[in-house]
Amino acid sequence: MSKLYFRYGAMGCGKTMQLLQVAFNYEERGHKVCVAKPGTDTKHGTKLYTRIGPERETDFIIDPKMDLYQKITKEYKDVHCVLIDESQFLTKSQVDQLMKVTIDMDIPVMCYGLRLNFKREDGGFEGATRLLQTAHDIEEIKTICECGKKATLNARFLNDKLVADGPDILIDDGKSKIEYRALCPACYERYLKCTS
């Protein structure tokens, strides 16, 4: 039986790079893959983009109301693997639909995304919460903080100051400098004290 995988990590840990590597490995062996991401992630339009260069056009963008089981069974039933980037933006129902793909179609589904939001809460991302509850295989992709320790938190900086409150999703408002950084808990607290 195929599995639903969740690969999570803090910002900049290489989630998209790993997704692209998996797609490359399948395709190099003559297998077809389906690559998608939620439309909530507006950066780089319909492309998957990595910080170190490689990028790829998605096969489709996921709308919050889209039934992924129907989409895949109708248009992508011949693929050998489904790869989803920014999976934290999926709905609970969509994660359940992906599980159904693994069961009914025997196609592995690999989801890559964040576990926690910038407020250090898992409830901020419906997709991540459901994946943590139901995925067959869960793995952390590790990265380091600016201090050199393991980074586990995603910090939002608004005009160079850490903010721990605000809307769950803020990608680019066109007015402010919005940046996300992977931090260890100690550095997160240090930045937090500077803003108080």
Protein backbone atom coordinates (compact mmCIF):
# COMPACT_ATOMS: atom_id res chain seq x y z
CA MET A 1 0.00 0.00 0.00
CA SER A 2 1.21 3.51 -0.79
CA LYS A 3 1.70 6.04 1.99
CA LEU A 4 0.95 9.66 2.82
CA TYR A 5 4.22 11.35 3.82
CA PHE A 6 4.70 14.62 5.67
CA ARG A 7 8.14 16.22 5.50
CA TYR A 8 8.23 19.33 7.68
CA GLY A 9 10.81 21.82 8.81
CA ALA A 10 11.44 25.46 9.64
CA MET A 11 11.81 28.11 6.95
CA GLY A 12 14.81 27.64 4.69
CA CYS A 13 15.49 24.00 5.59
CA GLY A 14 15.26 22.85 1.98
CA LYS A 15 11.74 21.40 1.80
CA THR A 16 11.13 22.54 -1.78
CA MET A 17 14.62 21.45 -2.81
CA GLN A 18 13.92 17.96 -1.47
CA LEU A 19 10.57 17.88 -3.31
CA LEU A 20 12.32 18.81 -6.57
CA GLN A 21 14.94 16.11 -5.95
CA VAL A 22 12.23 13.48 -5.47
CA ALA A 23 10.51 14.64 -8.68
CA PHE A 24 13.83 14.45 -10.54
CA ASN A 25 14.52 10.93 -9.24
CA TYR A 26 11.12 9.64 -10.40
CA GLU A 27 11.38 11.32 -13.78
CA GLU A 28 14.97 10.18 -14.35
CA ARG A 29 13.66 6.62 -14.07
CA GLY A 30 10.87 7.28 -16.58
CA HIS A 31 8.06 7.77 -14.06
CA LYS A 32 5.49 10.54 -14.16
CA VAL A 33 4.86 12.82 -11.16
CA CYS A 34 2.26 15.43 -10.32
CA VAL A 35 3.53 18.57 -8.56
CA ALA A 36 1.18 21.10 -6.96
CA LYS A 37 0.98 23.81 -4.33
CA PRO A 38 -1.85 25.74 -2.67
CA GLY A 39 -2.74 29.10 -4.19
CA THR A 40 -2.33 30.66 -0.73
CA ASP A 41 1.39 30.68 -1.50
CA THR A 42 1.41 33.61 -3.92
CA LYS A 43 5.19 33.98 -4.12
CA HIS A 44 6.62 33.08 -7.52
CA GLY A 45 3.16 32.52 -9.03
CA THR A 46 2.68 28.97 -10.29
CA LYS A 47 6.34 28.00 -9.82
CA LEU A 48 8.09 26.14 -7.06
CA TYR A 49 11.17 28.16 -6.23
CA THR A 50 14.21 27.31 -4.12
CA ARG A 51 16.59 29.70 -2.43
CA ILE A 52 19.57 28.08 -4.13
CA GLY A 53 18.28 28.25 -7.68
CA PRO A 54 16.31 25.28 -9.00
CA GLU A 55 12.66 25.93 -9.79
CA ARG A 56 9.80 24.13 -11.49
CA GLU A 57 6.38 24.93 -12.86
CA THR A 58 3.56 23.22 -10.95
CA ASP A 59 1.07 20.96 -12.70
CA PHE A 60 -1.74 22.83 -10.95
CA ILE A 61 -2.48 25.29 -8.17
CA ILE A 62 -4.71 24.08 -5.33
CA ASP A 63 -7.79 26.15 -4.56
CA PRO A 64 -9.14 25.84 -0.97
CA LYS A 65 -12.39 24.40 -2.32
CA MET A 66 -10.73 21.94 -4.72
CA ASP A 67 -11.41 18.25 -4.18
CA LEU A 68 -7.94 16.78 -4.61
CA TYR A 69 -9.19 13.21 -4.84
CA GLN A 70 -11.45 14.13 -7.77
CA LYS A 71 -8.72 16.21 -9.44
CA ILE A 72 -6.12 13.46 -9.23
CA THR A 73 -8.45 10.59 -10.20
CA LYS A 74 -9.70 12.50 -13.25
CA GLU A 75 -6.51 14.17 -14.50
CA TYR A 76 -3.49 12.46 -12.91
CA LYS A 77 -4.42 8.79 -12.47
CA ASP A 78 -1.34 7.72 -14.45
CA VAL A 79 1.24 9.33 -12.12
CA HIS A 80 3.62 7.38 -9.91
CA CYS A 81 3.80 10.00 -7.15
CA VAL A 82 1.98 13.18 -6.05
CA LEU A 83 4.17 15.93 -4.58
CA ILE A 84 2.63 18.85 -2.69
CA ASP A 85 4.64 21.90 -1.58
CA GLU A 86 3.49 24.35 1.13
CA SER A 87 1.11 21.66 2.40
CA GLN A 88 0.45 23.56 5.63
CA PHE A 89 -2.02 25.62 3.54
CA LEU A 90 -4.17 22.60 2.65
CA THR A 91 -7.54 22.16 4.33
CA LYS A 92 -8.28 19.24 6.63
CA SER A 93 -10.56 17.79 3.95
CA GLN A 94 -7.84 18.05 1.32
CA VAL A 95 -5.40 16.10 3.50
CA ASP A 96 -8.08 13.43 3.94
CA GLN A 97 -8.58 13.40 0.15
CA LEU A 98 -4.85 12.83 -0.33
CA MET A 99 -5.01 9.93 2.10
CA LYS A 100 -7.81 8.49 -0.05
CA VAL A 101 -5.52 8.79 -3.10
CA THR A 102 -2.92 6.60 -1.36
CA ILE A 103 -5.56 4.01 -0.42
CA ASP A 104 -7.82 3.86 -3.50
CA MET A 105 -5.28 4.64 -6.21
CA ASP A 106 -2.18 3.18 -4.53
CA ILE A 107 -0.20 6.33 -5.38
CA PRO A 108 2.25 7.71 -2.79
CA VAL A 109 1.66 11.33 -1.79
CA MET A 110 4.52 13.39 -0.37
CA CYS A 111 3.62 16.65 1.37
CA TYR A 112 6.22 19.26 2.30
CA GLY A 113 5.50 22.16 4.62
CA LEU A 114 5.75 23.96 7.92
CA ARG A 115 4.66 22.37 11.19
CA LEU A 116 4.28 25.57 13.21
CA ASN A 117 3.23 29.09 12.36
CA PHE A 118 5.18 32.17 13.40
CA LYS A 119 3.25 32.30 16.70
CA ARG A 120 4.70 28.89 17.64
CA GLU A 121 1.27 27.28 17.28
CA ASP A 122 0.35 24.26 15.22
CA GLY A 123 -3.32 25.30 15.09
CA GLY A 124 -2.41 28.10 12.72
CA PHE A 125 -2.01 25.66 9.84
CA GLU A 126 -4.94 23.34 9.30
CA GLY A 127 -3.10 21.24 6.74
CA ALA A 128 -0.05 20.68 8.93
CA THR A 129 -2.18 19.76 11.93
CA ARG A 130 -4.11 17.16 9.92
CA LEU A 131 -0.95 15.75 8.35
CA LEU A 132 0.60 15.33 11.80
CA GLN A 133 -2.55 13.46 12.86
CA THR A 134 -2.89 11.14 9.86
CA ALA A 135 0.27 10.80 7.75
CA HIS A 136 1.79 7.32 7.61
CA ASP A 137 5.31 8.68 7.68
CA ILE A 138 6.42 11.97 9.31
CA GLU A 139 9.96 13.31 9.11
CA GLU A 140 11.60 16.55 10.17
CA ILE A 141 13.95 18.27 7.73
CA LYS A 142 16.49 20.01 9.92
CA THR A 143 18.15 23.39 9.54
CA ILE A 144 20.22 25.70 11.71
CA CYS A 145 19.57 29.00 13.42
CA GLU A 146 21.75 32.06 12.87
CA CYS A 147 23.52 31.13 16.14
CA GLY A 148 24.40 27.66 14.81
CA LYS A 149 21.95 25.64 16.92
CA LYS A 150 19.06 23.61 15.50
CA ALA A 151 16.26 25.90 14.28
CA THR A 152 12.73 24.71 15.02
CA LEU A 153 10.71 27.93 14.94
CA ASN A 154 9.55 30.24 12.15
CA ALA A 155 9.88 33.89 13.10
CA ARG A 156 8.10 36.69 11.27
CA PHE A 157 9.99 39.96 11.00
CA LEU A 158 8.05 43.03 9.97
CA ASN A 159 10.33 45.93 9.03
CA ASP A 160 13.23 44.12 10.74
CA LYS A 161 11.38 43.58 14.07
CA LEU A 162 10.09 40.21 15.26
CA VAL A 163 6.31 40.12 15.57
CA ALA A 164 4.51 37.39 17.48
CA ASP A 165 0.95 38.43 16.65
CA GLY A 166 -1.06 39.19 13.54
CA PRO A 167 -2.76 37.30 10.73
CA ASP A 168 -1.72 33.67 10.31
CA ILE A 169 -0.85 34.23 6.66
CA LEU A 170 1.10 37.30 5.56
CA ILE A 171 3.22 36.73 2.49
CA ASP A 172 3.62 40.14 0.89
CA ASP A 173 1.43 43.18 1.48
CA GLY A 174 3.44 45.46 -0.81
CA LYS A 175 3.83 48.07 1.94
CA SER A 176 6.12 46.49 4.52
CA LYS A 177 9.31 44.47 4.56
CA ILE A 178 8.12 40.97 5.52
CA GLU A 179 10.73 38.34 6.24
CA TYR A 180 10.60 34.89 7.81
CA ARG A 181 13.61 33.34 9.53
CA ALA A 182 14.25 29.94 11.08
CA LEU A 183 15.32 30.38 14.71
CA CYS A 184 16.11 28.23 17.72
CA PRO A 185 13.90 28.81 20.80
CA ALA A 186 16.64 30.83 22.58
CA CYS A 187 17.11 33.28 19.69
CA TYR A 188 13.36 33.59 19.23
CA GLU A 189 13.03 34.62 22.89
CA ARG A 190 15.97 37.02 22.57
CA TYR A 191 14.36 38.77 19.59
CA LEU A 192 11.01 38.76 21.38
CA LYS A 193 12.52 40.58 24.39
CA CYS A 194 13.97 43.22 22.06
CA THR A 195 10.51 44.04 20.74
CA SER A 196 8.88 44.33 24.18
